[in-house]
Amino acid sequence: MSHDIEILGDGCAALSLAARANEIKHNITLIKPNNAPKARDHVWGFWSDAALQDAVKIARGTWNKWAIITNEDCAVLESKNKPYNAFKRSDWTAHCKTLAEQSGVKIISEADWQKSSEALLFDTRPPIVPDGCVLQHFHGLEIKTSEPKFNPDIAILMDFRVDQSKGMHFIYLLPYSETEALVESTIFSTNLVDTQYYLDNINSHLSQYYRVEDYTITHEENGVIPLGKLERHDQSIPGLGANGGATRPASGYAFLFIQRQIDAAIKRCKAGKEITFKTPHKKIDLWMDSVLLTVLKNWPEHGPNMFVNMGKALTGDQFVKFLSGDAGWWIRVKVIFAMPKLPFIKAVTKRVLPSRKATNPVVA
């Protein structure tokens, strides 16, 4: 069955689908929303996966080892089959636009769009962020030093040796070479901080742990990723990407899940079914993420030990499977037993007891 497809938005999800337009018998048009903010370039990290072969080919950096560090402990994980990769958003969007253009995909402004009653319409605009939502916010610098300072063999996913007074806070450091790295100050909290706070923590961390005092900035980036359960931008329009539930609630990780969401939709289309986009997450993973976010929101001081303990409890491949939504029960049980018990019991109580009271009222 062939239909025209119209997609509100021209970001990662919309372009990722447009790049695969040649696989389905649909004419695709992307609509750039009115008053949309200018797209900001930033680095996307991801683990290798069958759905990301094109992404791996254009990655700027690849690491088979990664680390989680606290003041007292360190977990170093390794995977030969599932390395960690990174590229800039602009590299992926340029790749997708090239393929989309070759397949005749149109990109128009919303002002020039005349909605078709027969076309299938999907919405990739940002979802609605509820009040009190936990936010993953960051500011990063790509830097170059005059002398070798970094170990290019290990990506630092989380280094918690920074101020923890504003929420769960860590340095994310991707060493592209001995003299080049992305250094990012990342915080999980309900409130944002000013730019100087991130920069002060980056500079003090580089000075204390890498003996870096002077450097050249080659790229600067920042962003805010809302975490948890988010409502669609417009309830009357089916969503795709983050607006279709693709973002992993507790990590903000979306790139892999967007590709899986699109891949599953294309398979349904090839099987003769109408193209639809479903959440790529399992219910148990969404529930576990909700408990984790409850802990991070109410007791963020447990974050550093929580993540380093999880890193030490799992192998590299198991770690990737868990974050990629591929974990079985054995891996989930290992993660649960690695968590601090009291805050998680409190978090489960916070989430479970109110719903029980609501569904089982006492009748006088």
Protein backbone atom coordinates (compact mmCIF):
# COMPACT_ATOMS: atom_id res chain seq x y z
CA MET A 1 0.00 0.00 0.00
CA SER A 2 1.47 3.34 -1.06
CA HIS A 3 0.78 6.63 0.72
CA ASP A 4 2.36 10.03 0.91
CA ILE A 5 4.07 10.59 4.27
CA GLU A 6 4.37 14.03 5.82
CA ILE A 7 6.60 14.54 8.83
CA LEU A 8 6.56 17.58 11.07
CA GLY A 9 10.20 18.29 11.88
CA ASP A 10 13.55 17.84 10.18
CA GLY A 11 15.74 16.57 13.01
CA CYS A 12 17.38 13.20 13.68
CA ALA A 13 14.23 11.04 13.58
CA ALA A 14 12.73 12.69 10.50
CA LEU A 15 15.99 12.61 8.56
CA SER A 16 16.79 9.04 9.64
CA LEU A 17 13.50 7.89 8.14
CA ALA A 18 13.97 10.05 5.04
CA ALA A 19 17.38 8.48 4.48
CA ARG A 20 15.64 5.11 4.06
CA ALA A 21 12.89 6.35 1.76
CA ASN A 22 14.09 4.05 -1.02
CA GLU A 23 13.09 1.03 1.10
CA ILE A 24 9.38 1.88 1.19
CA LYS A 25 6.82 2.81 -1.48
CA HIS A 26 5.94 6.17 0.01
CA ASN A 27 6.64 9.74 -1.05
CA ILE A 28 8.11 11.54 1.97
CA THR A 29 7.97 15.25 2.74
CA LEU A 30 9.65 16.83 5.78
CA ILE A 31 8.10 20.04 7.11
CA LYS A 32 10.40 22.45 8.93
CA PRO A 33 8.29 23.92 11.76
CA ASN A 34 7.71 27.65 12.00
CA ASN A 35 9.87 29.40 14.60
CA ALA A 36 11.90 26.24 15.24
CA PRO A 37 15.15 27.01 17.08
CA LYS A 38 18.34 26.77 15.07
CA ALA A 39 19.79 23.26 15.27
CA ARG A 40 22.87 23.17 17.47
CA ASP A 41 25.71 20.84 16.66
CA HIS A 42 26.84 18.47 19.38
CA VAL A 43 28.45 15.08 19.81
CA TRP A 44 26.35 11.92 19.90
CA GLY A 45 27.77 8.79 21.52
CA PHE A 46 26.53 5.28 20.82
CA TRP A 47 27.51 1.63 21.07
CA SER A 48 27.90 -0.37 17.87
CA ASP A 49 24.75 -2.22 16.85
CA ALA A 50 23.39 -3.97 13.76
CA ALA A 51 21.02 -1.01 13.28
CA LEU A 52 23.88 1.50 13.32
CA GLN A 53 26.28 0.22 10.66
CA ASP A 54 26.10 3.46 8.65
CA ALA A 55 26.70 5.51 11.79
CA VAL A 56 29.80 3.50 12.73
CA LYS A 57 31.29 4.21 9.31
CA ILE A 58 31.27 7.96 9.90
CA ALA A 59 32.22 7.91 13.59
CA ARG A 60 35.02 10.26 14.57
CA GLY A 61 36.14 8.10 17.48
CA THR A 62 35.75 4.47 18.58
CA TRP A 63 36.68 2.98 21.96
CA ASN A 64 36.64 -0.64 23.07
CA LYS A 65 37.15 0.41 26.69
CA TRP A 66 35.25 2.89 28.83
CA ALA A 67 35.38 3.90 32.49
CA ILE A 68 33.16 5.10 35.35
CA ILE A 69 35.12 6.88 38.11
CA THR A 70 34.33 8.12 41.62
CA ASN A 71 36.54 9.53 44.37
CA GLU A 72 36.84 6.06 45.89
CA ASP A 73 36.44 3.59 43.03
CA CYS A 74 36.70 2.95 39.31
CA ALA A 75 35.06 0.52 36.89
CA VAL A 76 36.72 -0.12 33.53
CA LEU A 77 34.68 -2.12 31.03
CA GLU A 78 35.63 -3.55 27.66
CA SER A 79 33.85 -4.97 24.64
CA LYS A 80 35.43 -6.15 21.42
CA ASN A 81 32.08 -6.59 19.67
CA LYS A 82 30.22 -3.53 20.98
CA PRO A 83 32.63 -0.58 21.07
CA TYR A 84 31.57 2.94 21.99
CA ASN A 85 31.52 5.45 19.13
CA ALA A 86 30.95 9.16 18.67
CA PHE A 87 30.26 11.61 15.89
CA LYS A 88 28.79 15.08 15.52
CA ARG A 89 25.10 15.56 14.87
CA SER A 90 25.98 17.47 11.68
CA ASP A 91 27.83 14.44 10.29
CA TRP A 92 24.73 12.25 10.66
CA THR A 93 22.26 14.82 9.33
CA ALA A 94 24.47 15.50 6.29
CA HIS A 95 24.68 11.75 5.62
CA CYS A 96 20.88 11.41 5.88
CA LYS A 97 20.16 14.45 3.72
CA THR A 98 22.35 13.09 0.94
CA LEU A 99 20.46 9.77 0.91
CA ALA A 100 17.10 11.50 1.26
CA GLU A 101 17.77 13.77 -1.71
CA GLN A 102 18.76 10.77 -3.82
CA SER A 103 15.34 9.24 -3.05
CA GLY A 104 13.41 12.39 -3.93
CA VAL A 105 12.46 13.40 -0.39
CA LYS A 106 11.18 16.97 -0.19
CA ILE A 107 12.02 19.36 2.65
CA ILE A 108 9.74 22.40 2.87
CA SER A 109 8.89 25.09 5.41
CA GLU A 110 5.68 24.89 7.40
CA ALA A 111 4.64 28.19 5.82
CA ASP A 112 4.65 26.47 2.40
CA TRP A 113 2.90 23.32 3.62
CA GLN A 114 -0.65 22.51 2.61
CA LYS A 115 -1.82 19.61 4.73
CA SER A 116 -3.11 16.66 2.73
CA SER A 117 -6.14 14.76 4.03
CA GLU A 118 -4.87 11.57 2.42
CA ALA A 119 -1.23 11.67 3.57
CA LEU A 120 0.01 9.88 6.68
CA LEU A 121 1.15 12.56 9.14
CA PHE A 122 3.75 12.03 11.88
CA ASP A 123 5.17 14.49 14.39
CA THR A 124 8.85 14.63 15.42
CA ARG A 125 8.67 17.97 17.24
CA PRO A 126 9.92 17.89 20.85
CA PRO A 127 7.56 16.28 23.38
CA ILE A 128 5.97 18.22 26.24
CA VAL A 129 8.21 18.50 29.31
CA PRO A 130 6.24 18.29 32.59
CA ASP A 131 6.96 20.50 35.59
CA GLY A 132 9.52 19.03 37.96
CA CYS A 133 11.02 16.80 35.26
CA VAL A 134 14.57 15.55 35.79
CA LEU A 135 16.80 17.17 33.17
CA GLN A 136 20.12 15.99 31.80
CA HIS A 137 21.88 19.26 31.01
CA PHE A 138 25.43 19.75 29.83
CA HIS A 139 28.06 22.08 28.46
CA GLY A 140 31.04 20.68 26.61
CA LEU A 141 34.29 21.80 24.98
CA GLU A 142 36.30 20.08 22.30
CA ILE A 143 39.86 21.06 23.10
CA LYS A 144 43.37 20.67 21.76
CA THR A 145 46.47 20.70 23.94
CA SER A 146 50.06 21.37 22.91
CA GLU A 147 51.35 18.29 24.77
CA PRO A 148 50.02 14.69 25.13
CA LYS A 149 47.54 14.62 28.01
CA PHE A 150 44.90 11.99 27.25
CA ASN A 151 44.72 8.22 26.89
CA PRO A 152 42.94 7.70 23.55
CA ASP A 153 42.21 4.03 24.34
CA ILE A 154 39.59 4.66 27.07
CA ALA A 155 36.44 6.77 26.89
CA ILE A 156 35.45 8.28 30.25
CA LEU A 157 31.67 7.93 30.39
CA MET A 158 31.28 9.27 33.92
CA ASP A 159 33.88 10.83 36.19
CA PHE A 160 32.16 11.94 39.38
CA ARG A 161 35.19 13.71 40.87
CA VAL A 162 33.46 17.09 40.58
CA ASP A 163 31.12 19.18 42.73
CA GLN A 164 27.90 17.30 43.55
CA SER A 165 25.98 20.18 45.15
CA LYS A 166 23.75 20.89 42.10
CA GLY A 167 22.60 17.31 41.46
CA MET A 168 24.28 14.18 40.12
CA HIS A 169 27.24 15.66 38.27
CA PHE A 170 30.01 14.06 36.19
CA ILE A 171 32.60 14.80 33.54
CA TYR A 172 32.16 12.99 30.22
CA LEU A 173 35.48 12.85 28.38
CA LEU A 174 36.06 11.38 24.91
CA PRO A 175 39.78 11.34 24.02
CA TYR A 176 40.10 11.50 20.23
CA SER A 177 43.90 11.47 20.51
CA GLU A 178 46.59 12.22 23.08
CA THR A 179 46.05 15.94 22.48
CA GLU A 180 42.36 16.19 21.49
CA ALA A 181 39.24 15.49 23.55
CA LEU A 182 35.63 16.39 24.17
CA VAL A 183 35.26 17.38 27.83
CA GLU A 184 31.70 17.81 29.03
CA SER A 185 30.20 18.79 32.37
CA THR A 186 26.87 16.92 32.73
CA ILE A 187 24.27 17.27 35.49
CA PHE A 188 21.06 15.37 36.28
CA SER A 189 18.74 17.72 38.19
CA THR A 190 15.43 19.55 37.97
CA ASN A 191 17.12 22.97 37.78
CA LEU A 192 19.63 24.35 35.28
CA VAL A 193 22.85 26.15 36.20
CA ASP A 194 24.68 29.04 34.59
CA THR A 195 27.31 28.42 31.92
CA GLN A 196 30.21 29.48 34.11
CA TYR A 197 29.48 26.67 36.57
CA TYR A 198 30.07 24.05 33.88
CA LEU A 199 33.22 25.80 32.65
CA ASP A 200 34.68 26.17 36.15
CA ASN A 201 34.21 22.46 36.80
CA ILE A 202 35.70 21.50 33.43
CA ASN A 203 38.76 23.64 34.04
CA SER A 204 39.34 22.48 37.60
CA HIS A 205 38.92 18.83 36.54
CA LEU A 206 41.35 19.18 33.64
CA SER A 207 43.88 20.91 35.88
CA GLN A 208 43.65 18.43 38.76
CA TYR A 209 43.46 15.14 36.90
CA TYR A 210 45.10 15.81 33.50
CA ARG A 211 47.46 18.67 34.35
CA VAL A 212 45.92 20.71 31.57
CA GLU A 213 46.13 24.46 32.15
CA ASP A 214 46.14 25.82 28.60
CA TYR A 215 44.19 24.57 25.62
CA THR A 216 42.57 25.68 22.38
CA ILE A 217 38.79 25.32 22.03
CA THR A 218 37.83 23.86 18.64
CA HIS A 219 34.11 23.34 19.34
CA GLU A 220 31.66 24.27 22.10
CA GLU A 221 28.27 22.69 22.75
CA ASN A 222 25.43 22.60 25.26
CA GLY A 223 22.02 21.03 25.61
CA VAL A 224 19.13 19.94 27.82
CA ILE A 225 17.52 16.49 27.58
CA PRO A 226 14.28 15.93 29.54
CA LEU A 227 14.10 12.51 31.18
CA GLY A 228 11.17 10.32 32.18
CA LYS A 229 7.74 9.86 30.64
CA LEU A 230 6.96 12.70 28.22
CA GLU A 231 3.68 13.56 26.50
CA ARG A 232 3.47 13.92 22.72
CA HIS A 233 3.76 17.41 21.27
CA ASP A 234 0.24 17.05 19.84
CA GLN A 235 -1.91 14.19 21.09
CA SER A 236 -3.85 14.10 17.81
CA ILE A 237 -0.76 13.33 15.70
CA PRO A 238 1.23 10.05 15.99
CA GLY A 239 4.78 10.66 17.13
CA LEU A 240 8.18 9.53 15.92
CA GLY A 241 11.56 9.69 17.62
CA ALA A 242 11.67 11.42 21.02
CA ASN A 243 8.07 12.52 20.39
CA GLY A 244 7.19 8.86 19.89
CA GLY A 245 8.77 7.52 23.07
CA ALA A 246 12.15 6.60 21.57
CA THR A 247 14.29 8.26 24.25
CA ARG A 248 15.44 5.95 27.06
CA PRO A 249 13.83 7.63 30.10
CA ALA A 250 16.71 7.37 32.58
CA SER A 251 19.66 8.04 30.29
CA GLY A 252 18.40 10.32 27.53
CA TYR A 253 19.91 7.84 25.06
CA ALA A 254 17.84 8.06 21.88
CA PHE A 255 19.92 7.54 18.74
CA LEU A 256 19.91 3.73 18.71
CA PHE A 257 16.25 3.55 19.71
CA ILE A 258 15.21 5.95 16.96
CA GLN A 259 16.91 3.71 14.39
CA ARG A 260 15.24 0.61 15.84
CA GLN A 261 11.86 2.34 15.85
CA ILE A 262 12.27 3.21 12.19
CA ASP A 263 13.64 -0.23 11.29
CA ALA A 264 10.62 -1.96 12.87
CA ALA A 265 8.24 0.37 11.03
CA ILE A 266 9.89 -0.31 7.69
CA LYS A 267 9.67 -4.07 8.30
CA ARG A 268 5.92 -3.75 9.00
CA CYS A 269 5.56 -1.69 5.84
CA LYS A 270 7.38 -4.29 3.74
CA ALA A 271 5.07 -6.95 5.16
CA GLY A 272 2.12 -5.10 3.67
CA LYS A 273 1.00 -3.31 6.83
CA GLU A 274 0.47 0.41 7.23
CA ILE A 275 3.55 2.19 8.51
CA THR A 276 3.37 2.99 12.24
CA PHE A 277 5.94 3.85 14.90
CA LYS A 278 5.87 2.14 18.28
CA THR A 279 7.90 2.59 21.45
CA PRO A 280 11.14 0.56 21.19
CA HIS A 281 11.35 -0.02 24.96
CA LYS A 282 10.19 -2.96 27.06
CA LYS A 283 7.76 -2.21 29.89
CA ILE A 284 10.11 -3.65 32.52
CA ASP A 285 12.92 -1.36 31.35
CA LEU A 286 10.62 1.67 31.50
CA TRP A 287 9.60 0.72 35.04
CA MET A 288 13.21 0.23 36.17
CA ASP A 289 14.11 3.59 34.63
CA SER A 290 11.26 5.28 36.48
CA VAL A 291 12.56 3.94 39.80
CA LEU A 292 16.11 5.04 38.97
CA LEU A 293 14.93 8.56 38.10
CA THR A 294 13.01 8.73 41.39
CA VAL A 295 16.26 7.97 43.24
CA LEU A 296 18.26 10.52 41.23
CA LYS A 297 15.61 13.20 41.76
CA ASN A 298 15.24 12.69 45.51
CA TRP A 299 18.60 11.25 46.59
CA PRO A 300 21.19 12.27 43.94
CA GLU A 301 24.07 11.69 46.35
CA HIS A 302 23.70 7.95 45.68
CA GLY A 303 24.29 8.41 41.93
CA PRO A 304 28.10 8.05 41.78
CA ASN A 305 28.29 4.78 43.75
CA MET A 306 25.20 3.48 41.99
CA PHE A 307 26.75 3.75 38.53
CA VAL A 308 30.23 2.58 39.46
CA ASN A 309 28.75 -0.45 41.25
CA MET A 310 26.67 -1.27 38.18
CA GLY A 311 29.81 -1.02 36.06
CA LYS A 312 31.68 -3.39 38.36
CA ALA A 313 28.78 -5.88 38.47
CA LEU A 314 28.56 -6.29 34.68
CA THR A 315 30.88 -7.27 31.86
CA GLY A 316 31.30 -4.79 29.02
CA ASP A 317 28.90 -6.69 26.78
CA GLN A 318 26.31 -6.95 29.57
CA PHE A 319 26.62 -3.22 30.27
CA VAL A 320 25.93 -2.41 26.62
CA LYS A 321 22.99 -4.83 26.50
CA PHE A 322 21.43 -3.22 29.55
CA LEU A 323 21.70 0.34 28.25
CA SER A 324 20.64 -0.75 24.76
CA GLY A 325 17.44 -2.45 25.92
CA ASP A 326 18.72 -5.95 25.11
CA ALA A 327 19.12 -7.23 28.66
CA GLY A 328 17.60 -10.48 29.86
CA TRP A 329 16.52 -11.16 33.42
CA TRP A 330 19.95 -12.29 34.58
CA ILE A 331 21.49 -8.92 33.66
CA ARG A 332 18.57 -7.02 35.20
CA VAL A 333 18.94 -8.98 38.44
CA LYS A 334 22.67 -8.20 38.54
CA VAL A 335 21.89 -4.50 38.12
CA ILE A 336 19.23 -4.58 40.84
CA PHE A 337 21.59 -6.24 43.34
CA ALA A 338 24.29 -3.67 42.53
CA MET A 339 22.01 -0.79 43.53
CA PRO A 340 21.90 0.74 47.05
CA LYS A 341 18.97 -0.95 48.73
CA LEU A 342 17.43 1.73 50.98
CA PRO A 343 16.96 4.53 48.39
CA PHE A 344 15.58 2.06 45.87
CA ILE A 345 13.10 0.64 48.38
CA LYS A 346 12.04 4.22 49.11
CA ALA A 347 11.75 4.93 45.37
CA VAL A 348 9.65 1.83 44.74
CA THR A 349 7.44 2.78 47.69
CA LYS A 350 7.01 6.29 46.30
CA ARG A 351 5.91 4.89 42.95
CA VAL A 352 3.85 1.87 44.01
CA LEU A 353 1.95 2.85 47.16
CA PRO A 354 0.15 5.93 45.76
CA SER A 355 -1.18 3.91 42.81
CA ARG A 356 -2.42 1.16 45.15
CA LYS A 357 -4.27 3.67 47.29
CA ALA A 358 -5.85 5.17 44.21
CA THR A 359 -7.03 1.87 42.75
CA ASN A 360 -8.12 0.27 46.04
CA PRO A 361 -10.03 2.97 47.96
CA VAL A 362 -11.32 2.21 51.42
CA VAL A 363 -15.09 2.42 51.56
CA ALA A 364 -16.53 3.53 54.91
